N, C-alpha and C. Protein backbone atom coordinates (compact mmCIF):
# COMPACT_ATOMS: atom_id res chain seq x y z
N MET A 1 -24.45 -105.63 -5.12
CA MET A 1 -24.01 -105.10 -6.40
C MET A 1 -22.53 -104.75 -6.28
N ASP A 2 -21.74 -105.14 -7.27
CA ASP A 2 -20.32 -104.83 -7.18
C ASP A 2 -20.07 -103.35 -7.48
N GLN A 3 -18.87 -102.89 -7.18
CA GLN A 3 -18.55 -101.46 -7.28
C GLN A 3 -18.70 -100.92 -8.70
N VAL A 4 -18.28 -101.65 -9.70
CA VAL A 4 -18.37 -101.17 -11.08
C VAL A 4 -19.83 -101.03 -11.49
N LYS A 5 -20.66 -102.01 -11.17
CA LYS A 5 -22.08 -101.93 -11.53
C LYS A 5 -22.78 -100.80 -10.78
N GLN A 6 -22.42 -100.60 -9.53
CA GLN A 6 -22.99 -99.50 -8.76
C GLN A 6 -22.58 -98.16 -9.38
N LEU A 7 -21.33 -98.05 -9.79
CA LEU A 7 -20.85 -96.84 -10.45
C LEU A 7 -21.59 -96.62 -11.77
N GLN A 8 -21.74 -97.67 -12.55
CA GLN A 8 -22.44 -97.55 -13.83
C GLN A 8 -23.87 -97.05 -13.64
N GLU A 9 -24.57 -97.62 -12.68
CA GLU A 9 -25.95 -97.22 -12.43
C GLU A 9 -26.04 -95.76 -11.97
N SER A 10 -25.19 -95.37 -11.05
CA SER A 10 -25.23 -93.98 -10.56
C SER A 10 -24.79 -93.01 -11.66
N ALA A 11 -23.87 -93.40 -12.51
CA ALA A 11 -23.44 -92.55 -13.63
C ALA A 11 -24.57 -92.39 -14.65
N ARG A 12 -25.33 -93.44 -14.91
CA ARG A 12 -26.47 -93.35 -15.84
C ARG A 12 -27.49 -92.34 -15.34
N ILE A 13 -27.77 -92.38 -14.05
CA ILE A 13 -28.74 -91.46 -13.46
C ILE A 13 -28.24 -90.03 -13.54
N LEU A 14 -26.99 -89.81 -13.17
CA LEU A 14 -26.42 -88.46 -13.23
C LEU A 14 -26.38 -87.97 -14.67
N HIS A 15 -25.98 -88.81 -15.59
CA HIS A 15 -25.92 -88.44 -17.00
C HIS A 15 -27.30 -88.03 -17.51
N ALA A 16 -28.32 -88.79 -17.16
CA ALA A 16 -29.68 -88.48 -17.61
C ALA A 16 -30.15 -87.13 -17.05
N LEU A 17 -29.88 -86.88 -15.79
CA LEU A 17 -30.28 -85.60 -15.19
C LEU A 17 -29.51 -84.43 -15.81
N LEU A 18 -28.22 -84.61 -16.01
CA LEU A 18 -27.43 -83.56 -16.64
C LEU A 18 -27.95 -83.27 -18.05
N THR A 19 -28.28 -84.30 -18.78
CA THR A 19 -28.81 -84.14 -20.14
C THR A 19 -30.11 -83.35 -20.11
N ARG A 20 -30.97 -83.67 -19.14
CA ARG A 20 -32.23 -82.95 -19.02
C ARG A 20 -32.01 -81.48 -18.69
N HIS A 21 -31.13 -81.21 -17.72
CA HIS A 21 -30.87 -79.82 -17.32
C HIS A 21 -30.10 -79.06 -18.39
N ALA A 22 -29.32 -79.75 -19.21
CA ALA A 22 -28.54 -79.10 -20.27
C ALA A 22 -29.44 -78.43 -21.31
N LYS A 23 -30.68 -78.86 -21.40
CA LYS A 23 -31.61 -78.25 -22.36
C LYS A 23 -31.95 -76.81 -22.00
N SER A 24 -31.82 -76.47 -20.71
CA SER A 24 -32.18 -75.12 -20.27
C SER A 24 -31.07 -74.41 -19.50
N SER A 25 -29.94 -75.06 -19.31
CA SER A 25 -28.85 -74.47 -18.53
C SER A 25 -27.52 -74.61 -19.26
N GLU A 26 -26.90 -73.49 -19.57
CA GLU A 26 -25.59 -73.52 -20.22
C GLU A 26 -24.55 -74.18 -19.31
N ASN A 27 -24.68 -73.97 -18.00
CA ASN A 27 -23.73 -74.58 -17.07
C ASN A 27 -23.84 -76.10 -17.08
N ALA A 28 -25.06 -76.61 -17.07
CA ALA A 28 -25.25 -78.06 -17.13
C ALA A 28 -24.74 -78.60 -18.46
N GLU A 29 -24.97 -77.87 -19.54
CA GLU A 29 -24.48 -78.29 -20.85
C GLU A 29 -22.95 -78.34 -20.86
N MET A 30 -22.29 -77.36 -20.25
CA MET A 30 -20.85 -77.31 -20.17
C MET A 30 -20.30 -78.50 -19.38
N VAL A 31 -20.87 -78.77 -18.21
CA VAL A 31 -20.41 -79.87 -17.37
C VAL A 31 -20.68 -81.21 -18.05
N LEU A 32 -21.81 -81.33 -18.71
CA LEU A 32 -22.10 -82.55 -19.47
C LEU A 32 -21.03 -82.77 -20.53
N GLY A 33 -20.61 -81.72 -21.20
CA GLY A 33 -19.54 -81.83 -22.18
C GLY A 33 -18.23 -82.30 -21.56
N PHE A 34 -17.91 -81.76 -20.39
CA PHE A 34 -16.69 -82.17 -19.68
C PHE A 34 -16.74 -83.65 -19.31
N MET A 35 -17.91 -84.11 -18.90
CA MET A 35 -18.03 -85.45 -18.31
C MET A 35 -18.39 -86.56 -19.29
N THR A 36 -18.75 -86.23 -20.50
CA THR A 36 -19.25 -87.24 -21.44
C THR A 36 -18.26 -88.38 -21.67
N ALA A 37 -17.00 -88.08 -21.88
CA ALA A 37 -16.01 -89.14 -22.11
C ALA A 37 -15.90 -90.05 -20.88
N LEU A 38 -15.99 -89.47 -19.69
CA LEU A 38 -15.94 -90.27 -18.46
C LEU A 38 -17.17 -91.16 -18.36
N PHE A 39 -18.34 -90.63 -18.68
CA PHE A 39 -19.56 -91.45 -18.67
C PHE A 39 -19.44 -92.64 -19.62
N VAL A 40 -18.87 -92.41 -20.79
CA VAL A 40 -18.69 -93.49 -21.77
C VAL A 40 -17.72 -94.54 -21.21
N ALA A 41 -16.61 -94.09 -20.63
CA ALA A 41 -15.63 -95.03 -20.06
C ALA A 41 -16.24 -95.83 -18.91
N ILE A 42 -17.05 -95.20 -18.09
CA ILE A 42 -17.72 -95.90 -16.99
C ILE A 42 -18.67 -96.95 -17.55
N GLU A 43 -19.45 -96.58 -18.53
CA GLU A 43 -20.42 -97.51 -19.12
C GLU A 43 -19.73 -98.72 -19.74
N CYS A 44 -18.53 -98.51 -20.28
CA CYS A 44 -17.76 -99.61 -20.89
C CYS A 44 -17.01 -100.45 -19.86
N GLY A 45 -17.08 -100.07 -18.59
CA GLY A 45 -16.40 -100.81 -17.53
C GLY A 45 -14.92 -100.50 -17.44
N GLU A 46 -14.49 -99.39 -18.04
CA GLU A 46 -13.07 -99.03 -18.04
C GLU A 46 -12.65 -98.25 -16.80
N VAL A 47 -13.59 -97.84 -15.98
CA VAL A 47 -13.30 -97.10 -14.75
C VAL A 47 -13.62 -98.00 -13.57
N VAL A 48 -12.63 -98.25 -12.74
CA VAL A 48 -12.81 -99.12 -11.57
C VAL A 48 -12.52 -98.30 -10.32
N PRO A 49 -13.51 -98.17 -9.43
CA PRO A 49 -13.32 -97.42 -8.20
C PRO A 49 -12.21 -98.02 -7.34
N PRO A 50 -11.52 -97.23 -6.57
CA PRO A 50 -11.74 -95.81 -6.31
C PRO A 50 -10.98 -94.92 -7.30
N VAL A 51 -11.67 -93.85 -7.70
CA VAL A 51 -11.12 -92.83 -8.59
C VAL A 51 -11.53 -91.48 -8.02
N HIS A 52 -10.60 -90.52 -8.03
CA HIS A 52 -10.89 -89.17 -7.53
C HIS A 52 -11.96 -88.50 -8.41
N ASP A 53 -12.92 -87.86 -7.79
CA ASP A 53 -14.00 -87.16 -8.49
C ASP A 53 -13.57 -85.73 -8.79
N LYS A 54 -13.01 -85.51 -9.96
CA LYS A 54 -12.48 -84.19 -10.29
C LYS A 54 -13.57 -83.18 -10.67
N TYR A 55 -14.82 -83.63 -10.80
CA TYR A 55 -15.91 -82.72 -11.15
C TYR A 55 -16.80 -82.36 -9.96
N ARG A 56 -16.42 -82.76 -8.78
CA ARG A 56 -17.24 -82.54 -7.58
C ARG A 56 -17.59 -81.08 -7.37
N TRP A 57 -16.65 -80.19 -7.62
CA TRP A 57 -16.87 -78.76 -7.35
C TRP A 57 -18.13 -78.24 -8.04
N TYR A 58 -18.38 -78.66 -9.25
CA TYR A 58 -19.53 -78.15 -10.00
C TYR A 58 -20.86 -78.46 -9.32
N PHE A 59 -20.91 -79.52 -8.57
CA PHE A 59 -22.16 -79.97 -7.95
C PHE A 59 -22.25 -79.67 -6.45
N ALA A 60 -21.15 -79.82 -5.74
CA ALA A 60 -21.19 -79.81 -4.28
C ALA A 60 -20.77 -78.49 -3.63
N ASN A 61 -20.02 -77.68 -4.31
CA ASN A 61 -19.57 -76.42 -3.74
C ASN A 61 -20.68 -75.38 -3.87
N THR A 62 -20.94 -74.63 -2.82
CA THR A 62 -22.01 -73.63 -2.87
C THR A 62 -21.75 -72.57 -3.93
N GLU A 63 -20.51 -72.42 -4.37
CA GLU A 63 -20.17 -71.49 -5.45
C GLU A 63 -20.24 -72.16 -6.82
N GLY A 64 -20.44 -73.47 -6.83
CA GLY A 64 -20.50 -74.22 -8.09
C GLY A 64 -21.76 -73.88 -8.88
N PRO A 65 -21.69 -73.91 -10.20
CA PRO A 65 -22.82 -73.49 -11.02
C PRO A 65 -24.03 -74.43 -10.98
N LEU A 66 -23.86 -75.65 -10.51
CA LEU A 66 -24.97 -76.59 -10.49
C LEU A 66 -25.49 -76.88 -9.09
N PHE A 67 -24.94 -76.21 -8.11
CA PHE A 67 -25.32 -76.45 -6.71
C PHE A 67 -26.81 -76.21 -6.48
N LYS A 68 -27.39 -75.31 -7.23
CA LYS A 68 -28.80 -74.94 -7.02
C LYS A 68 -29.80 -76.05 -7.41
N TYR A 69 -29.34 -77.05 -8.15
CA TYR A 69 -30.23 -78.13 -8.58
C TYR A 69 -30.16 -79.29 -7.58
N ASP A 70 -31.20 -79.40 -6.76
CA ASP A 70 -31.21 -80.44 -5.72
C ASP A 70 -31.11 -81.84 -6.30
N ASP A 71 -31.80 -82.09 -7.41
CA ASP A 71 -31.77 -83.43 -7.98
C ASP A 71 -30.38 -83.80 -8.50
N LEU A 72 -29.68 -82.84 -9.08
CA LEU A 72 -28.30 -83.09 -9.52
C LEU A 72 -27.39 -83.31 -8.33
N GLY A 73 -27.60 -82.53 -7.26
CA GLY A 73 -26.77 -82.69 -6.07
C GLY A 73 -26.90 -84.08 -5.47
N GLU A 74 -28.12 -84.57 -5.37
CA GLU A 74 -28.35 -85.90 -4.82
C GLU A 74 -27.78 -86.98 -5.73
N ALA A 75 -28.03 -86.86 -7.04
CA ALA A 75 -27.50 -87.85 -7.99
C ALA A 75 -25.98 -87.83 -8.00
N HIS A 76 -25.41 -86.64 -7.92
CA HIS A 76 -23.95 -86.56 -7.91
C HIS A 76 -23.37 -87.16 -6.64
N ALA A 77 -24.04 -86.97 -5.51
CA ALA A 77 -23.55 -87.55 -4.25
C ALA A 77 -23.47 -89.07 -4.37
N GLN A 78 -24.51 -89.69 -4.92
CA GLN A 78 -24.51 -91.14 -5.11
C GLN A 78 -23.41 -91.56 -6.08
N TYR A 79 -23.27 -90.82 -7.16
CA TYR A 79 -22.24 -91.09 -8.16
C TYR A 79 -20.84 -90.96 -7.55
N SER A 80 -20.62 -89.88 -6.81
CA SER A 80 -19.32 -89.63 -6.21
C SER A 80 -18.94 -90.72 -5.21
N HIS A 81 -19.90 -91.16 -4.41
CA HIS A 81 -19.65 -92.26 -3.47
C HIS A 81 -19.22 -93.52 -4.21
N ALA A 82 -19.92 -93.81 -5.31
CA ALA A 82 -19.57 -95.01 -6.09
C ALA A 82 -18.22 -94.84 -6.78
N LEU A 83 -17.97 -93.67 -7.35
CA LEU A 83 -16.71 -93.41 -8.06
C LEU A 83 -15.51 -93.51 -7.12
N GLU A 84 -15.65 -92.94 -5.95
CA GLU A 84 -14.54 -92.90 -5.01
C GLU A 84 -14.45 -94.16 -4.14
N GLY A 85 -15.37 -95.09 -4.35
CA GLY A 85 -15.30 -96.38 -3.68
C GLY A 85 -15.64 -96.36 -2.21
N TRP A 86 -16.51 -95.45 -1.81
CA TRP A 86 -16.91 -95.40 -0.40
C TRP A 86 -17.79 -96.59 -0.10
N VAL A 87 -17.62 -97.16 1.06
CA VAL A 87 -18.43 -98.30 1.49
C VAL A 87 -19.82 -97.79 1.86
N THR A 88 -20.85 -98.46 1.34
CA THR A 88 -22.22 -98.04 1.67
C THR A 88 -22.89 -99.04 2.56
């Protein structure tokens, strides 16, 4: 799978999980709002890795508001790897 398609797939998964958590978490709703334009650009193929993941803190930092959600953490890790163009 090429890098753009891998990014699109991982972004779809992260977007779906964020949408689900946004129903019960104001923090997830806030981050979803921040990231929506990026998700749209990724889906349209306008984002080509490597790109810096400026939203990593929300998911990966122990002080981040979404760190407590294991499923978001795992989905974000896959997304971040694809976004930043890490070789898998």
